[in-house]
Protein backbone atom coordinates (compact mmCIF):
# COMPACT_ATOMS: atom_id res chain seq x y z
CA MET A 1 42.14 134.15 80.80
CA THR A 2 45.26 136.33 81.00
CA PHE A 3 45.89 135.17 84.57
CA LEU A 4 45.42 131.52 83.54
CA PHE A 5 47.93 131.90 80.70
CA PHE A 6 50.48 133.49 83.10
CA PHE A 7 49.84 130.74 85.62
CA LEU A 8 50.45 127.95 83.11
CA THR A 9 53.60 129.51 81.65
CA PHE A 10 55.19 130.45 84.99
CA PHE A 11 54.61 127.15 86.77
CA SER A 12 55.63 123.65 85.72
CA SER A 13 53.06 121.39 84.14
CA LEU A 14 50.70 119.84 86.68
CA THR A 15 49.64 116.23 86.93
CA LEU A 16 46.17 115.02 87.90
CA LEU A 17 47.45 114.21 91.38
CA ASP A 18 48.87 117.74 91.70
CA GLY A 19 45.47 119.16 90.72
CA LEU A 20 43.66 117.07 93.33
CA ILE A 21 46.13 118.15 96.04
CA ILE A 22 45.67 121.82 95.06
CA VAL A 23 41.90 121.52 95.27
CA ALA A 24 42.18 119.86 98.68
CA LEU A 25 44.56 122.59 99.96
CA VAL A 26 42.26 125.39 98.71
CA ALA A 27 39.27 123.70 100.34
CA LEU A 28 41.12 123.18 103.62
CA THR A 29 42.32 126.79 103.71
CA THR A 30 38.81 128.04 102.89
CA VAL A 31 37.33 125.97 105.74
CA GLN A 32 39.93 127.33 108.19
CA ILE A 33 39.28 130.93 107.11
CA GLY A 34 35.50 130.45 107.38
CA ALA A 35 35.84 128.97 110.86
CA LEU A 36 37.97 131.89 112.01
CA LEU A 37 35.59 134.49 110.51
CA ARG A 38 32.60 132.91 112.31
CA SER A 39 34.42 132.79 115.64
CA ASN A 40 33.21 135.43 118.14
CA SER A 41 35.54 134.45 120.97
CA LEU A 42 38.66 135.98 119.43
CA PRO A 43 39.55 139.65 119.62
CA LYS A 44 39.56 141.44 116.27
CA LYS A 45 43.35 141.94 116.21
CA ARG A 46 44.14 138.30 117.12
CA LYS A 47 41.61 137.10 114.52
CA GLN A 48 43.29 139.18 111.79
CA ILE A 49 46.76 137.87 112.66
CA ARG A 50 45.56 134.26 112.81
CA LEU A 51 43.77 134.66 109.49
CA GLY A 52 46.95 136.04 107.93
CA LEU A 53 49.08 133.16 109.26
CA ASN A 54 46.65 130.50 107.99
CA VAL A 55 46.43 132.15 104.57
CA LEU A 56 50.26 132.36 104.45
CA MET A 57 50.62 128.67 105.34
CA GLY A 58 48.07 127.70 102.72
CA MET A 59 49.82 129.78 100.05
CA VAL A 60 53.24 128.26 100.87
CA LEU A 61 51.78 124.73 100.61
CA LEU A 62 49.98 125.61 97.38
CA ILE A 63 53.09 127.11 95.76
CA TYR A 64 55.21 124.13 96.88
CA VAL A 65 52.83 121.73 95.09
CA ILE A 66 52.79 123.91 91.97
CA HIS A 67 56.63 124.03 91.84
CA PRO A 68 57.25 127.51 90.42
CA HIS A 69 60.28 127.96 88.18
CA TRP A 70 61.81 130.58 85.92
CA THR A 71 64.39 130.76 83.16
CA THR A 72 67.77 132.47 83.23
CA SER A 73 70.53 132.95 80.66
CA ALA A 74 73.69 131.08 81.73
CA ASP A 75 77.19 130.71 80.26
CA THR A 76 77.61 126.93 80.22
CA SER A 77 80.93 126.84 78.40
CA ARG A 78 82.51 126.08 81.81
CA VAL A 79 80.35 124.43 84.48
CA LEU A 80 81.04 123.28 88.04
CA LEU A 81 79.22 120.01 88.84
CA VAL A 82 79.03 119.65 92.63
CA SER A 83 78.47 116.59 94.85
CA GLU A 84 75.67 116.99 97.39
CA ASN A 85 77.92 116.72 100.47
CA VAL A 86 80.32 119.51 99.49
CA PRO A 87 79.81 122.59 101.74
CA LEU A 88 79.03 126.03 100.32
CA GLU A 89 82.43 127.52 101.27
CA ALA A 90 84.25 124.80 99.30
CA VAL A 91 82.01 125.45 96.29
CA LYS A 92 82.66 129.20 96.43
CA LYS A 93 86.40 128.63 96.74
CA ALA A 94 86.37 126.39 93.65
CA GLN A 95 84.28 128.94 91.73
CA GLU A 96 86.67 131.75 92.57
CA SER A 97 89.83 129.80 91.69
CA LEU A 98 88.40 128.49 88.42
CA LYS A 99 86.48 131.71 87.60
CA ILE A 100 83.27 129.78 86.96
CA THR A 101 79.85 131.41 87.35
CA GLU A 102 77.53 128.45 86.68
CA THR A 103 77.26 125.76 89.37
CA VAL A 104 75.02 122.70 89.14
CA SER A 105 74.46 120.05 91.81
CA LEU A 106 74.33 116.41 90.78
CA GLU A 107 70.61 116.32 91.58
CA ASP A 108 69.95 119.40 89.43
CA PHE A 109 72.07 117.92 86.64
CA GLU A 110 69.89 114.80 86.54
CA ARG A 111 66.70 116.90 86.65
CA ARG A 112 67.79 119.29 83.92
CA THR A 113 69.01 116.43 81.75
CA SER A 114 65.58 114.80 81.90
CA GLU A 115 63.68 118.08 81.39
CA THR A 116 65.78 119.62 78.60
CA ALA A 117 66.81 117.39 75.70
CA ASP A 118 69.79 119.50 74.59
CA PHE A 119 70.99 120.60 78.06
CA VAL A 120 74.07 118.35 78.05
CA ALA A 121 74.85 119.04 74.38
CA GLN A 122 75.23 122.78 75.13
CA LEU A 123 77.69 122.26 77.98
CA GLY A 124 81.40 122.88 77.52
CA THR A 125 84.17 121.96 79.97
CA VAL A 126 82.80 120.32 83.12
CA TYR A 127 84.62 120.50 86.47
CA VAL A 128 83.41 117.87 88.93
CA LEU A 129 83.84 118.85 92.60
CA GLY A 130 83.67 115.80 94.90
CA GLN A 131 83.61 112.13 94.01
CA ASP A 132 79.91 111.19 94.13
CA ALA A 133 79.24 111.37 90.38
CA ARG A 134 78.10 107.94 89.23
CA PRO A 135 79.28 106.20 86.02
CA HIS A 136 76.04 107.00 84.16
CA THR A 137 76.60 110.71 84.86
CA LEU A 138 80.08 110.58 83.36
CA ALA A 139 78.70 108.60 80.42
CA ARG A 140 76.31 111.46 79.63
CA LEU A 141 79.33 113.78 79.47
CA SER A 142 81.21 111.59 76.99
CA GLN A 143 81.53 114.46 74.49
CA HIS A 144 82.80 116.97 77.01
CA GLU A 145 86.13 117.70 78.66
CA ILE A 146 86.03 116.66 82.32
CA HIS A 147 88.28 117.79 85.17
CA TRP A 148 87.89 116.13 88.57
CA ILE A 149 88.50 118.04 91.81
CA PRO A 150 88.50 115.63 94.80
CA TRP A 151 86.97 116.87 98.05
CA PHE A 152 87.06 115.11 101.43
CA LYS A 153 85.82 115.93 104.91
CA LYS A 154 88.25 116.55 107.74
CA ASN A 155 89.29 113.37 109.60
CA GLU A 156 88.22 111.29 106.58
CA LEU A 157 90.48 108.95 104.64
CA GLN A 158 91.52 110.41 101.30
CA SER A 159 93.47 107.34 100.18
CA ILE A 160 94.55 104.03 101.68
CA GLU A 161 96.47 100.97 100.48
CA TRP A 162 97.71 97.65 101.85
CA LYS A 163 98.58 94.17 100.58
CA ALA A 164 95.52 92.04 99.87
CA MET A 165 97.67 88.91 100.10
CA LEU A 166 101.06 88.16 101.64
CA ARG A 167 102.91 85.39 103.43
CA LYS A 168 102.86 84.80 107.17
CA GLY A 169 105.79 86.63 108.74
CA GLU A 170 105.99 89.28 106.02
CA LEU A 171 105.39 92.91 106.92
CA GLN A 172 101.96 94.30 106.18
CA GLU A 173 102.11 98.02 105.38
CA VAL A 174 99.03 100.24 105.61
CA SER A 175 99.61 103.64 104.02
CA GLY A 176 97.38 106.51 103.02
CA ALA A 177 96.54 110.18 103.35
CA MET A 178 94.07 112.33 105.28
CA ALA A 179 93.53 115.86 106.65
CA LEU A 180 92.90 116.39 110.37
CA ASP A 181 91.28 119.24 112.25
CA ALA A 182 93.49 118.56 115.31
CA PRO A 183 96.37 116.24 116.31
CA LYS A 184 95.11 112.65 116.67
CA VAL A 185 96.45 109.13 117.18
CA LEU A 186 96.03 106.69 114.29
CA LYS A 187 96.43 103.01 115.10
CA ILE A 188 95.79 99.57 113.67
CA ASN A 189 94.00 97.17 116.02
CA TYR A 190 93.53 93.43 116.07
CA ALA A 191 90.88 92.62 118.69
CA ASN A 192 92.20 94.48 121.77
CA GLN A 193 95.85 94.56 120.64
CA VAL A 194 97.44 97.62 119.04
CA LEU A 195 99.66 96.40 116.18
CA ASP A 196 101.11 99.82 115.35
CA SER A 197 100.27 103.47 115.97
CA VAL A 198 101.38 106.96 114.97
CA LEU A 199 100.63 110.49 116.20
CA LEU A 200 99.38 112.63 113.31
CA ARG A 201 99.57 116.42 113.30
CA LYS A 202 96.84 118.86 112.32
CA GLY A 203 96.41 119.38 108.57
CA SER A 204 96.98 117.28 105.45
CA GLN A 205 99.53 114.47 105.63
CA THR A 206 100.39 110.90 104.70
CA PHE A 207 100.80 107.99 107.10
CA ARG A 208 102.29 104.49 107.20
CA LEU A 209 101.68 101.71 109.71
CA THR A 210 103.51 98.36 109.62
CA PHE A 211 103.17 95.06 111.41
CA PRO A 212 104.12 91.43 110.66
CA SER A 213 101.48 89.04 109.42
CA PHE A 214 100.97 86.65 112.32
CA ALA A 215 98.49 84.00 111.14
CA ILE A 216 97.76 81.86 108.08
CA GLY A 217 94.39 82.51 106.42
CA ARG A 218 91.99 85.41 106.86
CA THR A 219 93.01 88.35 109.04
CA GLU A 220 90.72 91.29 109.77
CA THR A 221 92.14 94.33 111.54
CA THR A 222 90.72 97.84 112.05
CA LEU A 223 92.23 101.26 111.35
CA VAL A 224 91.19 103.55 114.22
CA LEU A 225 91.50 107.34 114.61
CA ASP A 226 91.20 108.41 118.26
CA ASN A 227 88.94 105.42 119.05
CA GLN A 228 86.80 106.08 115.94
CA PRO A 229 86.94 103.17 113.42
CA LEU A 230 87.89 104.37 109.94
CA GLN A 231 88.46 101.29 107.81
CA LYS A 232 88.50 97.52 108.07
CA VAL A 233 91.89 96.23 106.89
CA ALA A 234 91.33 92.64 105.77
CA PHE A 235 93.93 90.46 104.05
CA TYR A 236 94.87 86.84 103.48
CA SER A 237 98.14 85.31 104.66
CA ARG A 238 99.70 82.38 102.82
CA LYS A 239 102.01 79.75 104.23
CA PRO A 240 105.57 81.06 104.53
CA GLN A 241 108.44 79.65 102.52
CA PRO A 242 111.14 78.99 105.16
CA ILE A 243 114.54 80.50 104.51
CA SER A 244 117.96 78.98 105.11
CA ALA A 245 120.26 80.99 107.37
CA TYR A 246 123.95 80.56 108.20
CA PHE A 247 125.50 82.23 111.27
CA VAL A 248 129.27 82.79 111.25
CA LEU A 249 130.23 84.08 114.72
CA GLN A 250 133.49 84.97 116.45
CA ASN A 251 131.94 84.45 119.88
CA PRO A 252 128.65 83.04 121.15
CA ASP A 253 126.12 85.74 122.08
CA PHE A 254 122.48 86.00 123.18
CA GLU A 255 121.44 88.20 120.23
CA SER A 256 122.45 85.58 117.62
CA LYS A 257 120.95 82.76 119.68
CA ALA A 258 117.61 84.62 119.90
CA VAL A 259 117.51 85.36 116.15
CA ALA A 260 118.42 81.75 115.30
CA GLU A 261 115.66 80.41 117.56
CA TRP A 262 113.19 82.90 116.04
CA LEU A 263 114.05 81.68 112.53
CA GLY A 264 113.88 78.05 113.63
CA LYS A 265 110.38 78.46 115.11
CA LYS A 266 109.26 79.85 111.77
CA GLY A 267 110.44 76.68 110.04
CA GLY A 268 113.73 78.08 108.76
CA ARG A 269 116.82 75.90 108.31
CA VAL A 270 119.57 77.28 110.52
CA GLU A 271 123.27 76.48 110.78
CA MET A 272 125.26 78.34 113.46
CA VAL A 273 129.08 78.09 113.51
CA THR A 274 130.89 79.70 116.46
CA ALA A 275 134.61 79.94 117.22
CA VAL A 276 135.13 78.93 120.86
CA ALA A 277 138.92 78.68 120.76
CA LYS A 278 141.76 78.85 118.28
CA ASN A 279 141.09 76.33 115.48
CA THR A 280 138.05 75.10 117.41
CA GLN A 281 134.45 75.63 116.33
CA THR A 282 131.05 74.51 117.50
CA SER A 283 128.12 73.96 115.19
CA VAL A 284 124.41 74.05 116.02
CA SER A 285 121.72 73.09 113.51
CA MET A 286 117.95 73.61 113.44
CA ASN A 287 115.43 72.00 111.09
CA GLN A 288 118.19 70.44 108.98
CA GLY A 289 117.34 67.60 106.65
CA LYS A 290 119.09 64.27 106.55
CA ASN A 291 121.59 65.50 103.99
CA LYS A 292 123.40 68.68 105.04
CA LYS A 293 125.19 68.85 101.70
CA ASP A 294 122.09 70.33 100.07
CA PHE A 295 122.09 73.24 102.56
CA VAL A 296 122.52 76.52 100.65
CA PRO A 297 121.98 79.60 102.82
CA ASP A 298 119.68 82.38 101.60
CA ILE A 299 121.28 84.73 104.10
CA VAL A 300 124.47 84.82 106.19
CA PHE A 301 124.47 86.49 109.61
CA THR A 302 127.90 87.62 110.78
CA ASP A 303 129.96 90.51 112.21
CA PRO A 304 132.30 92.87 110.32
CA ASP A 305 135.41 90.93 111.37
CA ASN A 306 134.22 88.16 109.02
CA ALA A 307 133.70 90.47 106.02
CA SER A 308 136.53 88.68 104.17
CA HIS A 309 135.37 85.18 105.17
CA PRO A 310 135.18 82.92 102.05
CA LEU A 311 131.59 81.94 102.85
CA VAL A 312 130.55 85.59 103.10
CA LYS A 313 132.21 86.52 99.80
CA LYS A 314 130.73 83.50 98.05
CA ALA A 315 127.24 84.34 99.30
CA VAL A 316 127.46 87.88 97.88
CA SER A 317 128.92 86.72 94.55
CA ASP A 318 126.12 84.13 94.23
CA GLY A 319 123.47 86.82 94.69
CA LYS A 320 122.62 85.80 98.25
CA SER A 321 122.36 88.12 101.26
CA VAL A 322 124.62 89.00 104.18
CA LEU A 323 123.75 90.93 107.34
CA PHE A 324 126.49 92.50 109.46
CA TYR A 325 125.33 93.13 113.02
CA ASN A 326 126.66 93.00 116.62
CA ILE A 327 128.84 96.00 115.71
CA THR A 328 130.96 97.71 118.38
CA ASP A 329 133.14 100.07 116.28
CA PRO A 330 130.86 101.40 113.48
CA GLU A 331 133.46 103.40 111.54
CA GLN A 332 135.96 100.52 111.37
CA ALA A 333 133.14 98.09 110.60
CA ALA A 334 132.00 100.16 107.61
CA LYS A 335 135.58 100.33 106.27
CA LYS A 336 136.09 96.56 106.57
CA VAL A 337 132.83 95.77 104.75
CA ASN A 338 133.50 98.36 102.03
CA VAL A 339 136.98 96.98 101.32
CA ALA A 340 135.93 93.33 101.34
CA LEU A 341 132.64 93.55 99.41
CA GLY A 342 132.79 96.79 97.44
CA THR A 343 129.94 98.50 99.34
CA LYS A 344 129.81 102.25 99.97
CA TRP A 345 128.77 102.58 103.60
CA ASN A 346 129.22 106.06 105.03
CA LEU A 347 128.47 106.79 108.69
CA LYS A 348 127.81 110.12 110.41
CA LYS A 349 128.15 110.48 114.18
CA ILE A 350 125.05 112.06 115.73
CA SER A 351 125.79 111.91 119.47
CA ASN A 352 128.64 111.58 121.96
CA ASP A 353 126.62 109.14 124.06
CA GLU A 354 127.36 105.44 123.93
CA SER A 355 123.92 104.74 122.47
CA VAL A 356 120.78 106.56 121.34
CA LEU A 357 117.13 105.62 121.82
CA VAL A 358 115.45 104.62 118.53
CA GLY A 359 112.27 103.05 119.88
CA SER A 360 110.52 101.87 123.00
CA GLY A 361 113.13 99.75 124.77
CA LEU A 362 115.39 99.79 121.70
CA THR A 363 118.77 101.51 121.37
CA ALA A 364 121.40 101.88 118.65
CA LEU A 365 124.95 103.10 118.18
CA PRO A 366 125.22 106.94 117.99
CA TYR A 367 125.60 107.02 114.20
CA ARG A 368 123.36 107.35 111.20
CA LEU A 369 123.77 105.75 107.79
CA ALA A 370 124.36 108.49 105.21
CA GLU A 371 122.11 108.40 102.14
CA ASN A 372 123.29 106.50 99.08
CA PRO A 373 121.46 105.98 95.74
CA ASN A 374 122.12 102.24 96.01
CA GLN A 375 120.86 102.02 99.59
CA LYS A 376 117.49 101.23 101.16
CA ASN A 377 116.74 102.01 104.79
CA ILE A 378 114.52 99.66 106.80
CA LEU A 379 111.52 100.83 108.85
CA GLY A 380 113.19 104.06 109.93
CA TYR A 381 115.73 102.19 112.06
CA PRO A 382 119.52 102.55 111.61
CA VAL A 383 119.51 99.45 109.41
CA ALA A 384 120.02 99.56 105.65
CA VAL A 385 120.72 97.37 102.62
CA GLN A 386 122.99 97.91 99.61
CA LYS A 387 122.99 95.89 96.40
CA THR A 388 126.40 94.61 95.24
CA GLY A 389 125.75 91.35 93.39
CA GLY A 390 123.97 90.12 96.49
CA MET A 391 122.25 92.13 99.21
CA VAL A 392 124.52 93.47 101.97
CA GLY A 393 122.87 94.73 105.15
CA LEU A 394 124.38 96.76 107.98
CA SER A 395 122.67 97.12 111.35
CA LEU A 396 123.63 99.67 114.00
CA LEU A 397 121.02 98.35 116.43
CA ASN A 398 122.14 97.13 119.84
CA GLU A 399 120.65 93.95 121.28
CA THR A 400 117.03 93.39 120.26
CA PHE A 401 116.48 90.24 122.32
CA SER A 402 115.63 92.48 125.32
CA LEU A 403 112.35 93.26 123.58
CA LYS A 404 111.53 89.58 123.52
CA LEU A 405 112.48 89.15 127.16
CA SER A 406 110.24 92.06 128.17
CA GLY A 407 107.27 90.46 126.37
CA ASP A 408 107.14 92.82 123.37
CA SER A 409 107.33 90.03 120.81
CA LEU A 410 105.34 92.10 118.31
CA ALA A 411 108.07 94.77 118.12
CA TYR A 412 110.75 92.05 117.90
CA ASP A 413 108.91 90.32 115.05
CA LYS A 414 108.42 93.63 113.26
CA ILE A 415 112.13 94.48 113.33
CA TRP A 416 113.42 91.13 112.11
CA SER A 417 110.60 90.56 109.63
CA GLY A 418 111.43 93.94 108.08
CA ILE A 419 115.15 93.12 107.91
CA LEU A 420 114.55 89.71 106.32
CA GLN A 421 111.99 91.07 103.87
CA ALA A 422 114.56 93.61 102.62
CA LEU A 423 117.47 91.18 102.50
CA VAL A 424 116.11 87.85 101.33
CA PRO A 425 115.43 87.72 97.57
CA SER A 426 111.87 87.36 96.35
CA GLN A 427 110.70 83.80 96.68
CA GLU A 428 108.83 81.70 94.16
CA GLY A 429 105.10 81.99 93.68
CA ASN A 430 104.60 85.67 94.49
CA ILE A 431 101.11 87.15 94.24
CA VAL A 432 100.81 90.95 94.24
CA ILE A 433 97.34 92.44 94.77
CA ASN A 434 96.85 95.89 96.25
CA ALA A 435 93.90 96.43 98.59
CA PRO A 436 91.32 97.71 99.18
CA LEU A 437 89.36 96.02 96.40
CA TRP A 438 85.89 97.26 95.49
CA LYS A 439 83.01 95.76 93.61
CA ASP A 440 82.62 97.04 90.04
CA THR A 441 86.08 98.66 90.10
CA ARG A 442 89.01 97.29 88.11
CA ALA A 443 91.79 95.62 90.14
CA SER A 444 95.31 94.67 89.03
CA LEU A 445 96.54 91.10 89.67
CA VAL A 446 100.25 90.22 89.29
CA LEU A 447 101.78 86.75 89.66
CA ASN A 448 105.51 86.13 89.28
CA LYS A 449 108.29 83.58 89.79
CA PHE A 450 106.04 80.53 89.52
CA SER A 451 107.79 77.26 88.65
CA GLN A 452 105.47 76.62 85.70
CA PRO A 453 104.28 79.06 83.01
CA LEU A 454 100.82 80.45 83.79
CA ALA A 455 98.09 80.86 81.22
CA THR A 456 95.08 81.54 83.45
CA VAL A 457 94.19 82.34 87.04
CA SER A 458 91.02 81.42 88.94
CA VAL A 459 89.37 84.46 90.57
CA ALA A 460 85.93 84.53 92.24
CA LYS A 461 84.95 81.31 90.39
CA ASP A 462 85.98 82.88 87.03
CA THR A 463 88.88 81.74 84.87
CA VAL A 464 90.84 84.78 83.72
CA LEU A 465 93.51 84.87 81.02
CA LEU A 466 96.96 86.12 82.07
CA GLN A 467 99.36 88.17 79.99
CA ARG A 468 103.13 87.67 80.20
CA SER A 469 105.09 90.84 81.01
CA ALA A 470 107.19 92.18 78.15
CA LEU A 471 109.90 93.20 80.64
CA ASN A 472 109.95 90.07 82.81
CA SER A 473 109.26 86.63 81.36
CA LEU A 474 108.51 85.25 84.86
CA SER A 475 105.82 87.85 85.57
CA TYR A 476 102.15 87.57 84.55
CA GLY A 477 99.31 90.00 85.08
CA THR A 478 95.71 90.85 84.32
CA ASP A 479 92.96 93.27 85.28
CA TYR A 480 89.80 91.94 86.88
CA THR A 481 86.54 93.53 88.05
CA PHE A 482 84.89 91.86 91.03
CA ARG A 483 81.09 91.68 90.94
CA LYS A 484 80.53 90.46 94.51
CA SER A 485 81.71 91.74 97.88
CA GLY A 486 83.12 89.83 100.86
CA TRP A 487 85.75 87.07 100.79
CA GLN A 488 86.21 85.77 97.25
CA PRO A 489 88.12 82.60 96.23
CA PHE A 490 91.47 82.98 94.49
CA GLN A 491 93.16 80.00 92.81
CA ASP A 492 92.41 76.73 94.62
CA SER A 493 92.86 77.53 98.30
CA LEU A 494 93.45 81.29 98.67
CA GLU A 495 91.09 84.22 99.14
CA VAL A 496 90.90 87.98 98.67
CA TYR A 497 88.57 90.41 100.40
CA VAL A 498 86.32 92.75 98.41
CA GLU A 499 84.97 95.70 100.42
CA GLU A 500 81.32 95.52 101.43
CA ASN A 501 80.80 99.21 102.27
CA GLU A 502 81.03 102.23 99.96
CA THR A 503 83.29 105.01 101.27
CA ALA A 504 84.69 108.31 100.07
CA VAL A 505 87.85 106.42 99.08
CA SER A 506 85.91 103.88 97.01
CA ASN A 507 83.96 106.66 95.29
CA ALA A 508 87.24 108.46 94.58
CA ALA A 509 88.78 105.30 93.09
CA ARG A 510 85.75 104.75 90.88
CA MET A 511 85.75 108.42 89.88
CA ALA A 512 89.45 108.34 88.99
CA GLU A 513 88.92 105.23 86.88
CA GLY A 514 85.94 106.80 85.08
CA VAL A 515 87.74 110.09 84.35
CA GLN A 516 90.83 108.26 83.10
CA ALA A 517 88.74 106.08 80.79
CA HIS A 518 86.91 109.18 79.59
CA LYS A 519 90.15 110.97 78.70
CA SER A 520 91.63 107.97 76.89
CA ASN A 521 88.52 107.47 74.75
CA GLN A 522 87.93 111.08 73.73
CA SER A 523 90.04 113.30 71.49
CA LYS A 524 87.76 116.25 70.64
CA PHE A 525 85.40 117.92 73.08
CA SER A 526 82.36 120.18 72.84
CA THR A 527 83.06 123.86 73.60
CA GLY A 528 79.62 124.73 74.99
CA THR A 529 77.40 127.82 74.55
CA THR A 530 75.14 130.22 76.43
CA GLN A 531 71.75 128.63 77.06
CA GLN A 532 68.45 129.26 78.83
CA MET A 533 68.29 127.33 82.08
CA THR A 534 65.37 126.78 84.41
CA ALA A 535 65.74 127.59 88.10
CA LYS A 536 63.58 127.00 91.16
CA LEU A 537 63.70 127.48 94.88
CA PRO A 538 66.15 125.08 96.56
CA ASP A 539 64.95 122.54 99.10
CA TRP A 540 66.55 124.39 102.02
CA ALA A 541 64.46 127.50 101.18
CA TRP A 542 61.24 125.48 101.24
CA LEU A 543 62.26 123.90 104.53
CA GLY A 544 62.89 127.35 106.00
CA LEU A 545 59.47 128.62 104.85
CA PHE A 546 57.67 125.60 106.32
CA LEU A 547 59.47 125.91 109.65
CA LEU A 548 58.76 129.65 109.80
CA CYS A 549 55.03 129.22 109.13
CA LEU A 550 54.59 126.28 111.51
CA THR A 551 56.53 128.07 114.26
CA ALA A 552 54.36 131.18 113.86
CA LEU A 553 51.13 129.12 114.03
CA TRP A 554 52.38 127.35 117.16
CA VAL A 555 53.63 130.48 118.95
CA GLU A 556 50.74 132.84 118.12
CA PRO A 557 48.11 131.31 120.49
CA LYS A 558 50.61 131.53 123.37
CA LEU A 559 51.26 135.25 122.94
CA ARG A 560 49.35 137.84 124.98
CA TYR A 561 48.40 140.97 123.03
């Protein structure tokens, strides 16, 4: 009776099925032992070893079914809750830095919560390592202070962002962060074409890839790390709103002709005025309407000699944009523009060569644009914009049309799309949605500069109320949680893509949202106490025992002794 009492208190409660399995295991082990004892063909020593191995295997199976456990006293005022995929060295590092002794896996947390009614109530501050904790786990910790410690594998995306919707011709920017175990090439692919790429170093870092949107409707590209797909980058491109451009030139040149043709092919209205002789000008128009009087340029292309031109000054005073390019003497050009338009361009010479290489097949004047608080550089090229009533751009690039002639139209589009996007004011009907979007995770939707006031927006067949921004009367926004994945309708004819696959990034986004909501809804937390906690052998220990016993049973008959 004493042994039975010890047995029942040491082991977990058994079900009827457990009892039947135990009886079957005991019977099977007994039959094996009896067969070995009756065997006369085995030497005495081999028979003893084989008997021992069979008894050991039977005992391991029997104990596994019984599930032995024991209780320990643990300080649960500060607990580390660990995701299943976090390696042991990362767990130990977190324990040492936080000075925490008690660590619980998510699986153990769920088990202990179901077995012990007051287990969660006696916890104090909870540190969550990794991002696999589900919403119901965080809900159980509603009365406790939670600190989240993200953990990602090497060569795995830690964050990523791009535009879920933009206009054709605008620059798509894919940015994020990751940690690498060795230098690797990150690129964005569309079918077999590389849209942009960057060489990343070993260690933690951020990245940014850019390319112009080239088609109306759905576009699906792939982010690839050394030929290993990381993330599908899907977005929707709207019809572009053509801009009106005015070229004021001293002399005809191929660079201006190429840019004008590029704008014209995109549906832009173009007017090019060139001085061919004293008091003589030629004019070329593209996509002009019947009445030229209604032509108001969004941007003026010219050279620094025309900085004081009445049309240039009027464009800046009216809040329009001007780009100065085709520059031959950068220092004099900067002075002329500064005097005429009140800008603060400051150039620094970086080389004694006539030009410097700034990209594949692309050169620039040997100067850099010094930093200025009112200045924005474009795509890492020696091109920048300053705000002075209107937008004033200055480009130190040499001819870019050579890229087009060599067949690299993608690089040409990228350069001029980036310049126009920085210079031309925001157009009407802007929709700002950051991707990736995930199911069951809140997303922010912003709509601004629409011609009519907006009260609602149609998203995924739902009608959602919009709120007017307190800072901008032309801006409206709302938060929305998608319940389905894949391409979802937006307004009447647009779409947004909701991710179909769960990733470490999606888990991290959901975790961040849950922790933030938890902090905003809780003011006083439980401090936790010391409590008795049950422990048992981990699964890896059982696996090791099984493999050891099975290996011994398999090897023993093959040994000669």
